N, C-alpha and C. Protein backbone atom coordinates (compact mmCIF):
# COMPACT_ATOMS: atom_id res chain seq x y z
N UNK A 1 5.17 243.19 129.42
CA UNK A 1 6.37 242.47 129.78
C UNK A 1 6.47 241.21 128.90
N UNK A 2 7.64 240.98 128.33
CA UNK A 2 7.85 239.82 127.47
C UNK A 2 8.00 238.55 128.31
N UNK A 3 7.92 237.40 127.64
CA UNK A 3 8.11 236.12 128.34
C UNK A 3 9.51 236.03 128.96
N UNK A 4 10.52 236.56 128.26
CA UNK A 4 11.89 236.54 128.76
C UNK A 4 11.99 237.39 130.03
N UNK A 5 11.42 238.59 129.99
CA UNK A 5 11.47 239.47 131.16
C UNK A 5 10.69 238.86 132.32
N UNK A 6 9.55 238.25 132.02
CA UNK A 6 8.73 237.62 133.05
C UNK A 6 9.48 236.45 133.70
N UNK A 7 10.13 235.62 132.89
CA UNK A 7 10.91 234.49 133.42
C UNK A 7 12.05 234.98 134.30
N UNK A 8 12.71 236.07 133.87
CA UNK A 8 13.81 236.63 134.66
C UNK A 8 13.30 237.15 136.00
N UNK A 9 12.16 237.85 136.01
CA UNK A 9 11.59 238.38 137.26
C UNK A 9 11.19 237.25 138.20
N UNK A 10 10.53 236.20 137.68
CA UNK A 10 10.13 235.06 138.50
C UNK A 10 11.37 234.34 139.06
N UNK A 11 12.39 234.20 138.24
CA UNK A 11 13.61 233.53 138.68
C UNK A 11 14.33 234.36 139.74
N UNK A 12 14.34 235.68 139.56
CA UNK A 12 14.99 236.55 140.54
C UNK A 12 14.30 236.45 141.90
N UNK A 13 12.98 236.36 141.90
CA UNK A 13 12.24 236.18 143.15
C UNK A 13 12.69 234.90 143.85
N UNK A 14 12.85 233.82 143.11
CA UNK A 14 13.31 232.55 143.69
C UNK A 14 14.74 232.67 144.21
N UNK A 15 15.61 233.29 143.43
CA UNK A 15 17.00 233.46 143.86
C UNK A 15 17.09 234.31 145.13
N UNK A 16 16.20 235.27 145.27
CA UNK A 16 16.24 236.17 146.44
C UNK A 16 15.88 235.44 147.73
N UNK A 17 15.49 234.18 147.64
CA UNK A 17 15.23 233.40 148.86
C UNK A 17 16.51 233.18 149.66
N UNK A 18 17.67 233.40 149.06
CA UNK A 18 18.92 233.23 149.80
C UNK A 18 19.33 234.50 150.54
N UNK A 19 18.63 235.62 150.30
CA UNK A 19 18.95 236.85 151.03
C UNK A 19 18.73 236.59 152.52
N UNK A 20 19.73 236.93 153.31
CA UNK A 20 19.69 236.68 154.74
C UNK A 20 20.31 235.35 155.13
N UNK A 21 20.53 234.48 154.14
CA UNK A 21 21.21 233.21 154.42
C UNK A 21 22.72 233.42 154.29
N UNK A 22 23.46 232.40 154.60
CA UNK A 22 24.92 232.49 154.60
C UNK A 22 25.50 231.55 153.55
N UNK A 23 26.56 232.01 152.89
CA UNK A 23 27.32 231.13 152.01
C UNK A 23 28.08 230.16 152.91
N UNK A 24 27.66 228.89 152.90
CA UNK A 24 28.25 227.87 153.76
C UNK A 24 29.56 227.34 153.24
N UNK A 25 29.66 227.24 151.93
CA UNK A 25 30.86 226.66 151.37
C UNK A 25 30.72 226.46 149.88
N UNK A 26 31.73 225.81 149.30
CA UNK A 26 31.78 225.61 147.87
C UNK A 26 32.60 224.36 147.57
N UNK A 27 32.31 223.78 146.43
CA UNK A 27 33.14 222.67 145.95
C UNK A 27 33.07 222.64 144.43
N UNK A 28 34.06 222.00 143.84
CA UNK A 28 34.08 221.80 142.41
C UNK A 28 33.70 220.35 142.17
N UNK A 29 32.60 220.14 141.46
CA UNK A 29 32.10 218.79 141.22
C UNK A 29 31.95 218.61 139.71
N UNK A 30 32.78 217.77 139.12
CA UNK A 30 32.73 217.50 137.68
C UNK A 30 32.78 218.80 136.87
N UNK A 31 33.69 219.67 137.20
CA UNK A 31 33.91 220.96 136.52
C UNK A 31 32.76 221.94 136.72
N UNK A 32 31.86 221.67 137.67
CA UNK A 32 30.81 222.61 138.02
C UNK A 32 31.12 223.15 139.41
N UNK A 33 31.28 224.45 139.53
CA UNK A 33 31.52 225.07 140.83
C UNK A 33 30.18 225.20 141.53
N UNK A 34 30.06 224.62 142.71
CA UNK A 34 28.83 224.68 143.47
C UNK A 34 29.03 225.57 144.69
N UNK A 35 28.04 226.44 144.93
CA UNK A 35 28.03 227.31 146.09
C UNK A 35 26.81 226.93 146.92
N UNK A 36 27.01 226.74 148.24
CA UNK A 36 25.94 226.29 149.14
C UNK A 36 25.54 227.42 150.09
N UNK A 37 24.23 227.60 150.25
CA UNK A 37 23.69 228.64 151.12
C UNK A 37 22.76 228.01 152.14
N UNK A 38 22.84 228.47 153.40
CA UNK A 38 21.97 227.94 154.45
C UNK A 38 21.77 228.97 155.54
N UNK A 39 21.14 228.56 156.61
CA UNK A 39 20.76 229.43 157.72
C UNK A 39 21.97 230.12 158.34
N UNK A 40 21.80 231.39 158.65
CA UNK A 40 22.86 232.16 159.30
C UNK A 40 23.12 231.64 160.71
N UNK A 41 22.09 231.11 161.37
CA UNK A 41 22.24 230.66 162.75
C UNK A 41 22.81 229.26 162.86
N UNK A 42 22.86 228.52 161.77
CA UNK A 42 23.42 227.17 161.80
C UNK A 42 24.93 227.23 161.94
N UNK A 43 25.49 226.15 162.39
CA UNK A 43 26.94 226.05 162.54
C UNK A 43 27.49 225.06 161.54
N UNK A 44 28.75 225.20 161.22
CA UNK A 44 29.40 224.28 160.30
C UNK A 44 29.21 222.85 160.81
N UNK A 45 28.81 221.98 159.91
CA UNK A 45 28.62 220.58 160.25
C UNK A 45 27.21 220.24 160.70
N UNK A 46 26.36 221.26 160.91
CA UNK A 46 24.99 221.01 161.33
C UNK A 46 24.13 220.75 160.10
N UNK A 47 23.27 219.74 160.19
CA UNK A 47 22.37 219.43 159.09
C UNK A 47 21.28 220.49 158.98
N UNK A 48 20.70 220.58 157.82
CA UNK A 48 19.60 221.49 157.58
C UNK A 48 19.47 221.75 156.10
N UNK A 49 18.30 222.21 155.67
CA UNK A 49 18.11 222.46 154.24
C UNK A 49 19.04 223.55 153.74
N UNK A 50 19.42 223.44 152.50
CA UNK A 50 20.28 224.45 151.90
C UNK A 50 19.90 224.65 150.44
N UNK A 51 20.40 225.72 149.88
CA UNK A 51 20.22 226.06 148.47
C UNK A 51 21.57 225.88 147.80
N UNK A 52 21.54 225.46 146.55
CA UNK A 52 22.79 225.24 145.81
C UNK A 52 22.74 225.99 144.49
N UNK A 53 23.79 226.73 144.20
CA UNK A 53 23.97 227.37 142.90
C UNK A 53 25.12 226.64 142.22
N UNK A 54 24.82 225.88 141.16
CA UNK A 54 25.82 225.17 140.39
C UNK A 54 26.14 225.97 139.14
N UNK A 55 27.42 226.33 138.96
CA UNK A 55 27.82 227.25 137.89
C UNK A 55 28.77 226.56 136.93
N UNK A 56 28.41 226.56 135.64
CA UNK A 56 29.27 226.00 134.60
C UNK A 56 29.82 227.07 133.67
N UNK A 57 29.36 228.29 133.81
CA UNK A 57 29.82 229.39 132.97
C UNK A 57 30.84 230.24 133.75
N UNK A 58 31.42 231.26 133.12
CA UNK A 58 32.36 232.11 133.85
C UNK A 58 31.74 232.74 135.10
N UNK A 59 32.55 232.86 136.13
CA UNK A 59 32.14 233.48 137.37
C UNK A 59 33.38 234.09 138.03
N UNK A 60 33.12 234.98 138.98
CA UNK A 60 34.22 235.55 139.76
C UNK A 60 33.68 236.06 141.08
N UNK A 61 34.59 236.19 142.04
CA UNK A 61 34.30 236.87 143.29
C UNK A 61 35.23 238.07 143.34
N UNK A 62 34.63 239.24 143.64
CA UNK A 62 35.41 240.46 143.67
C UNK A 62 35.10 241.25 144.93
N UNK A 63 36.04 242.10 145.29
CA UNK A 63 35.88 242.97 146.45
C UNK A 63 36.77 244.19 146.26
N UNK A 64 36.20 245.36 146.53
CA UNK A 64 36.95 246.62 146.45
C UNK A 64 37.64 246.80 145.10
N UNK A 65 36.95 246.47 144.03
CA UNK A 65 37.49 246.67 142.69
C UNK A 65 38.54 245.66 142.27
N UNK A 66 38.75 244.61 143.04
CA UNK A 66 39.73 243.59 142.70
C UNK A 66 39.06 242.23 142.52
N UNK A 67 39.50 241.50 141.50
CA UNK A 67 39.03 240.13 141.33
C UNK A 67 39.86 239.26 142.26
N UNK A 68 39.17 238.56 143.15
CA UNK A 68 39.85 237.72 144.13
C UNK A 68 40.06 236.31 143.58
N UNK A 69 39.02 235.78 142.92
CA UNK A 69 39.10 234.43 142.37
C UNK A 69 38.03 234.29 141.30
N UNK A 70 38.28 233.43 140.33
CA UNK A 70 37.29 233.21 139.28
C UNK A 70 37.50 231.89 138.57
N UNK A 71 36.67 231.68 137.56
CA UNK A 71 36.68 230.42 136.81
C UNK A 71 38.06 230.06 136.28
N UNK A 72 38.73 230.98 135.63
CA UNK A 72 40.01 230.66 134.98
C UNK A 72 41.12 230.28 135.96
N UNK A 73 40.95 230.59 137.25
CA UNK A 73 41.96 230.19 138.23
C UNK A 73 42.02 228.68 138.41
N UNK A 74 40.98 227.97 137.94
CA UNK A 74 40.98 226.50 138.00
C UNK A 74 42.07 225.93 137.12
N UNK A 75 42.44 226.64 136.09
CA UNK A 75 43.45 226.16 135.13
C UNK A 75 44.88 226.53 135.54
N UNK A 76 45.00 227.25 136.64
CA UNK A 76 46.32 227.72 137.09
C UNK A 76 46.81 226.90 138.29
N UNK A 77 48.10 226.69 138.33
CA UNK A 77 48.74 225.97 139.44
C UNK A 77 48.67 226.83 140.70
N UNK A 78 48.31 226.21 141.82
CA UNK A 78 48.26 226.91 143.11
C UNK A 78 49.66 227.33 143.51
N UNK A 79 49.73 228.40 144.26
CA UNK A 79 51.02 228.85 144.79
C UNK A 79 51.54 227.76 145.72
N UNK A 80 52.77 227.36 145.55
CA UNK A 80 53.37 226.32 146.38
C UNK A 80 53.11 224.90 145.87
N UNK A 81 52.36 224.75 144.78
CA UNK A 81 52.11 223.42 144.21
C UNK A 81 53.33 223.03 143.38
N UNK A 82 54.14 222.11 143.92
CA UNK A 82 55.35 221.66 143.24
C UNK A 82 55.19 220.28 142.60
N UNK A 83 53.96 219.78 142.51
CA UNK A 83 53.70 218.46 141.96
C UNK A 83 54.06 218.45 140.47
N UNK A 84 55.07 217.67 140.07
CA UNK A 84 55.47 217.65 138.65
C UNK A 84 54.42 217.01 137.74
N UNK A 85 53.49 216.24 138.32
CA UNK A 85 52.45 215.58 137.52
C UNK A 85 51.16 216.40 137.42
N UNK A 86 51.12 217.55 138.08
CA UNK A 86 49.90 218.37 138.05
C UNK A 86 49.66 218.90 136.64
N UNK A 87 48.40 218.85 136.23
CA UNK A 87 48.01 219.39 134.93
C UNK A 87 46.80 220.29 135.10
N UNK A 88 46.67 221.34 134.28
CA UNK A 88 45.48 222.20 134.36
C UNK A 88 44.20 221.38 134.16
N UNK A 89 43.13 221.84 134.78
CA UNK A 89 41.80 221.22 134.69
C UNK A 89 41.70 219.87 135.40
N UNK A 90 42.64 219.59 136.32
CA UNK A 90 42.52 218.39 137.13
C UNK A 90 42.22 218.82 138.57
N UNK A 91 41.46 218.01 139.29
CA UNK A 91 41.10 218.38 140.66
C UNK A 91 42.33 218.48 141.56
N UNK A 92 42.31 219.47 142.43
CA UNK A 92 43.37 219.63 143.41
C UNK A 92 44.57 220.37 142.87
N UNK A 93 45.17 221.13 143.73
CA UNK A 93 46.39 221.84 143.38
C UNK A 93 46.20 223.07 142.52
N UNK A 94 44.95 223.49 142.33
CA UNK A 94 44.71 224.65 141.46
C UNK A 94 44.55 225.94 142.27
N UNK A 95 44.78 227.06 141.61
CA UNK A 95 44.72 228.37 142.23
C UNK A 95 43.30 228.73 142.65
N UNK A 96 42.28 228.27 141.92
CA UNK A 96 40.90 228.57 142.27
C UNK A 96 40.56 228.05 143.67
N UNK A 97 40.88 226.80 143.92
CA UNK A 97 40.60 226.20 145.23
C UNK A 97 41.37 226.95 146.32
N UNK A 98 42.62 227.25 146.05
CA UNK A 98 43.46 227.92 147.03
C UNK A 98 42.90 229.30 147.38
N UNK A 99 42.55 230.09 146.37
CA UNK A 99 42.05 231.45 146.60
C UNK A 99 40.68 231.44 147.29
N UNK A 100 39.80 230.51 146.89
CA UNK A 100 38.49 230.40 147.56
C UNK A 100 38.66 230.01 149.02
N UNK A 101 39.58 229.09 149.30
CA UNK A 101 39.82 228.68 150.69
C UNK A 101 40.34 229.85 151.51
N UNK A 102 41.22 230.65 150.94
CA UNK A 102 41.72 231.84 151.64
C UNK A 102 40.60 232.83 151.91
N UNK A 103 39.72 233.01 150.94
CA UNK A 103 38.62 233.96 151.06
C UNK A 103 37.56 233.48 152.06
N UNK A 104 37.13 232.22 151.91
CA UNK A 104 36.01 231.71 152.70
C UNK A 104 36.42 231.13 154.05
N UNK A 105 37.58 230.49 154.11
CA UNK A 105 37.99 230.00 155.41
C UNK A 105 38.79 228.74 155.48
N UNK A 106 38.24 227.60 155.06
CA UNK A 106 38.90 226.34 155.36
C UNK A 106 38.74 225.32 154.24
N UNK A 107 39.86 224.78 153.78
CA UNK A 107 39.84 223.72 152.79
C UNK A 107 39.62 222.40 153.49
N UNK A 108 38.65 221.64 152.97
CA UNK A 108 38.36 220.31 153.51
C UNK A 108 38.43 219.32 152.36
N UNK A 109 38.41 218.04 152.69
CA UNK A 109 38.53 217.01 151.67
C UNK A 109 37.49 217.17 150.56
N UNK A 110 36.25 217.47 150.91
CA UNK A 110 35.16 217.58 149.94
C UNK A 110 35.03 218.96 149.31
N UNK A 111 35.70 219.96 149.83
CA UNK A 111 35.55 221.31 149.28
C UNK A 111 36.03 222.35 150.26
N UNK A 112 35.35 223.49 150.25
CA UNK A 112 35.74 224.63 151.08
C UNK A 112 34.58 225.00 151.99
N UNK A 113 34.85 225.07 153.29
CA UNK A 113 33.84 225.48 154.27
C UNK A 113 34.07 226.95 154.61
N UNK A 114 32.98 227.71 154.69
CA UNK A 114 33.07 229.11 155.06
C UNK A 114 33.16 229.20 156.58
N UNK A 115 34.33 229.61 157.05
CA UNK A 115 34.53 229.82 158.48
C UNK A 115 34.80 231.29 158.79
N UNK A 116 35.06 232.08 157.77
CA UNK A 116 35.27 233.52 157.97
C UNK A 116 33.92 234.23 158.05
N UNK A 117 33.84 235.31 158.82
CA UNK A 117 32.60 236.08 158.89
C UNK A 117 32.39 236.91 157.63
N UNK A 118 31.18 237.42 157.47
CA UNK A 118 30.91 238.36 156.38
C UNK A 118 30.28 237.76 155.14
N UNK A 119 29.80 236.53 155.21
CA UNK A 119 29.26 235.90 154.02
C UNK A 119 27.75 235.65 154.08
N UNK A 120 27.04 236.49 154.85
CA UNK A 120 25.58 236.48 154.77
C UNK A 120 25.20 237.24 153.50
N UNK A 121 24.19 236.76 152.80
CA UNK A 121 23.76 237.36 151.54
C UNK A 121 22.93 238.61 151.84
N UNK A 122 23.35 239.74 151.27
CA UNK A 122 22.65 241.01 151.46
C UNK A 122 21.73 241.35 150.30
N UNK A 123 22.05 240.86 149.10
CA UNK A 123 21.24 241.15 147.94
C UNK A 123 21.54 240.23 146.78
N UNK A 124 20.55 240.07 145.89
CA UNK A 124 20.69 239.24 144.70
C UNK A 124 20.07 239.97 143.53
N UNK A 125 20.77 239.99 142.41
CA UNK A 125 20.24 240.56 141.17
C UNK A 125 20.38 239.53 140.05
N UNK A 126 19.38 239.48 139.19
CA UNK A 126 19.41 238.60 138.03
C UNK A 126 18.90 239.41 136.85
N UNK A 127 19.68 239.48 135.77
CA UNK A 127 19.19 240.23 134.60
C UNK A 127 18.51 239.29 133.61
N UNK A 128 17.94 239.85 132.57
CA UNK A 128 17.15 239.03 131.64
C UNK A 128 18.00 238.13 130.75
N UNK A 129 19.33 238.25 130.80
CA UNK A 129 20.21 237.32 130.09
C UNK A 129 20.70 236.19 130.99
N UNK A 130 20.33 236.25 132.28
CA UNK A 130 20.70 235.19 133.21
C UNK A 130 21.96 235.45 134.00
N UNK A 131 22.52 236.66 133.92
CA UNK A 131 23.68 237.00 134.73
C UNK A 131 23.22 237.25 136.16
N UNK A 132 24.01 236.78 137.13
CA UNK A 132 23.66 236.86 138.55
C UNK A 132 24.72 237.67 139.29
N UNK A 133 24.26 238.47 140.26
CA UNK A 133 25.13 239.14 141.22
C UNK A 133 24.61 238.82 142.61
N UNK A 134 25.48 238.29 143.46
CA UNK A 134 25.13 238.02 144.86
C UNK A 134 26.07 238.85 145.72
N UNK A 135 25.49 239.75 146.52
CA UNK A 135 26.26 240.65 147.36
C UNK A 135 26.26 240.13 148.80
N UNK A 136 27.45 240.11 149.40
CA UNK A 136 27.62 239.64 150.77
C UNK A 136 27.88 240.81 151.71
N UNK A 137 27.64 240.59 153.00
CA UNK A 137 27.81 241.65 153.99
C UNK A 137 29.25 242.15 154.06
N UNK A 138 30.21 241.37 153.61
CA UNK A 138 31.62 241.76 153.62
C UNK A 138 31.97 242.65 152.42
N UNK A 139 30.97 243.04 151.63
CA UNK A 139 31.15 243.80 150.38
C UNK A 139 31.82 242.99 149.29
N UNK A 140 31.89 241.70 149.47
CA UNK A 140 32.35 240.79 148.43
C UNK A 140 31.15 240.49 147.54
N UNK A 141 31.38 240.32 146.24
CA UNK A 141 30.31 240.06 145.29
C UNK A 141 30.66 238.84 144.45
N UNK A 142 29.72 237.90 144.36
CA UNK A 142 29.83 236.76 143.45
C UNK A 142 29.08 237.12 142.19
N UNK A 143 29.77 237.08 141.05
CA UNK A 143 29.15 237.41 139.76
C UNK A 143 29.23 236.20 138.85
N UNK A 144 28.12 235.90 138.19
CA UNK A 144 28.01 234.78 137.26
C UNK A 144 27.67 235.37 135.89
N UNK A 145 28.49 235.06 134.88
CA UNK A 145 28.34 235.63 133.54
C UNK A 145 27.95 234.54 132.54
N UNK A 146 26.72 234.52 132.17
CA UNK A 146 26.28 233.54 131.18
C UNK A 146 26.90 233.87 129.84
N UNK A 147 27.49 232.86 129.19
CA UNK A 147 28.25 233.16 127.98
C UNK A 147 27.96 232.23 126.80
N UNK A 148 26.86 231.50 126.85
CA UNK A 148 26.58 230.60 125.74
C UNK A 148 25.10 230.41 125.53
N UNK A 149 24.76 230.01 124.32
CA UNK A 149 23.34 229.79 123.98
C UNK A 149 23.03 228.32 123.70
N UNK A 150 24.01 227.44 123.85
CA UNK A 150 23.81 226.03 123.50
C UNK A 150 24.16 225.06 124.62
N UNK A 151 24.22 225.51 125.85
CA UNK A 151 24.55 224.60 126.93
C UNK A 151 23.98 225.13 128.25
N UNK A 152 24.11 224.32 129.30
CA UNK A 152 23.69 224.78 130.61
C UNK A 152 24.73 225.76 131.14
N UNK A 153 24.26 226.87 131.69
CA UNK A 153 25.13 227.88 132.26
C UNK A 153 25.17 227.76 133.78
N UNK A 154 23.99 227.64 134.40
CA UNK A 154 23.92 227.49 135.84
C UNK A 154 22.57 226.87 136.22
N UNK A 155 22.52 226.33 137.45
CA UNK A 155 21.28 225.78 138.00
C UNK A 155 21.21 226.16 139.48
N UNK A 156 20.03 226.59 139.90
CA UNK A 156 19.78 226.97 141.28
C UNK A 156 18.76 226.00 141.86
N UNK A 157 19.18 225.25 142.88
CA UNK A 157 18.31 224.24 143.50
C UNK A 157 17.86 224.72 144.87
N UNK A 158 16.54 224.60 145.10
CA UNK A 158 15.91 224.95 146.37
C UNK A 158 15.51 223.67 147.09
N UNK A 159 15.39 223.73 148.42
CA UNK A 159 14.97 222.53 149.13
C UNK A 159 13.50 222.17 148.92
N UNK A 160 12.68 223.13 148.45
CA UNK A 160 11.24 222.87 148.40
C UNK A 160 10.54 223.35 147.13
N UNK A 161 11.30 223.70 146.11
CA UNK A 161 10.71 224.17 144.85
C UNK A 161 11.48 223.56 143.68
N UNK A 162 10.87 223.58 142.48
CA UNK A 162 11.63 223.15 141.31
C UNK A 162 12.88 224.03 141.13
N UNK A 163 13.89 223.46 140.54
CA UNK A 163 15.12 224.21 140.28
C UNK A 163 14.91 225.21 139.16
N UNK A 164 15.76 226.23 139.14
CA UNK A 164 15.79 227.19 138.04
C UNK A 164 17.07 226.89 137.28
N UNK A 165 16.98 226.84 135.96
CA UNK A 165 18.16 226.53 135.16
C UNK A 165 18.23 227.49 133.98
N UNK A 166 19.43 227.95 133.69
CA UNK A 166 19.68 228.72 132.48
C UNK A 166 20.34 227.76 131.50
N UNK A 167 19.57 227.32 130.51
CA UNK A 167 20.06 226.36 129.53
C UNK A 167 19.66 226.81 128.14
N UNK A 168 20.58 226.68 127.20
CA UNK A 168 20.34 227.06 125.82
C UNK A 168 19.86 228.51 125.71
N UNK A 169 20.38 229.35 126.60
CA UNK A 169 20.06 230.77 126.58
C UNK A 169 18.71 231.15 127.14
N UNK A 170 18.01 230.19 127.77
CA UNK A 170 16.66 230.44 128.26
C UNK A 170 16.56 230.06 129.74
N UNK A 171 15.94 230.93 130.54
CA UNK A 171 15.65 230.62 131.94
C UNK A 171 14.41 229.75 132.02
N UNK A 172 14.51 228.66 132.75
CA UNK A 172 13.38 227.74 132.92
C UNK A 172 13.37 227.19 134.32
N UNK A 173 12.21 226.69 134.72
CA UNK A 173 12.07 225.93 135.96
C UNK A 173 11.99 224.45 135.57
N UNK A 174 12.58 223.60 136.40
CA UNK A 174 12.42 222.17 136.17
C UNK A 174 10.97 221.81 136.49
N UNK A 175 10.51 220.71 135.95
CA UNK A 175 9.11 220.32 136.16
C UNK A 175 8.90 219.68 137.51
N UNK A 176 9.91 219.01 138.02
CA UNK A 176 9.78 218.31 139.29
C UNK A 176 10.52 219.04 140.38
N UNK A 177 9.98 218.92 141.58
CA UNK A 177 10.70 219.42 142.74
C UNK A 177 11.81 218.44 143.06
N UNK A 178 12.98 218.95 143.43
CA UNK A 178 14.05 218.04 143.82
C UNK A 178 13.75 217.44 145.19
N UNK A 179 14.40 216.34 145.55
CA UNK A 179 14.23 215.84 146.90
C UNK A 179 14.74 216.90 147.87
N UNK A 180 14.18 216.96 149.04
CA UNK A 180 14.59 217.98 150.01
C UNK A 180 16.03 217.72 150.41
N UNK A 181 16.86 218.73 150.20
CA UNK A 181 18.27 218.63 150.54
C UNK A 181 18.42 218.88 152.04
N UNK A 182 18.98 217.94 152.74
CA UNK A 182 19.13 218.10 154.18
C UNK A 182 20.58 218.19 154.60
N UNK A 183 21.49 217.94 153.70
CA UNK A 183 22.90 217.97 154.07
C UNK A 183 23.71 218.66 153.00
N UNK A 184 24.69 219.37 153.43
CA UNK A 184 25.66 219.97 152.52
C UNK A 184 26.89 219.07 152.56
N UNK A 185 27.28 218.48 151.42
CA UNK A 185 28.34 217.47 151.45
C UNK A 185 29.66 217.94 152.05
N UNK A 186 29.99 219.21 151.97
CA UNK A 186 31.29 219.64 152.51
C UNK A 186 31.23 219.98 153.98
N UNK A 187 30.04 219.92 154.56
CA UNK A 187 29.92 220.30 155.96
C UNK A 187 29.76 219.11 156.88
N UNK A 188 29.72 217.93 156.34
CA UNK A 188 29.52 216.74 157.18
C UNK A 188 30.75 216.44 157.99
């Protein structure tokens, strides 16, 4: 097994720690789409450790052969957005936020909270190029497509282990453990 294959296998094991957890919500922070995962038994607004997948490369959520929402929807005006000053790539008023809120449940000031059922993680796959597939119980799939060799593509943060990052085309672990995450900003 090559170093690349070994790194992918080790990273996939870490990513699989979210299997059985629930997608709590999502937010767009400085052009990075963040997805938050936590305990299935927790309720919205309850504190507790969570995992975060921060995505800077192309991504999409699909179900039944249809793309529901993806990266490029951030550049599109939301349906019903009549703001004459709205511009693509600015926070708020975009189709990505609107479609994710419809899919997951509820738009809040800080992001989108998952209030709809069906978002427990059933499976995770990671290939040796760093592409990720996360399958939910609702048969919805989150896909992350790494598309560059000179920048950060995504980062996966755990409450108790170093983060995994795909940067410059290489999967790596950070050297330090992050502080234990006890709150999800969109659920407070």
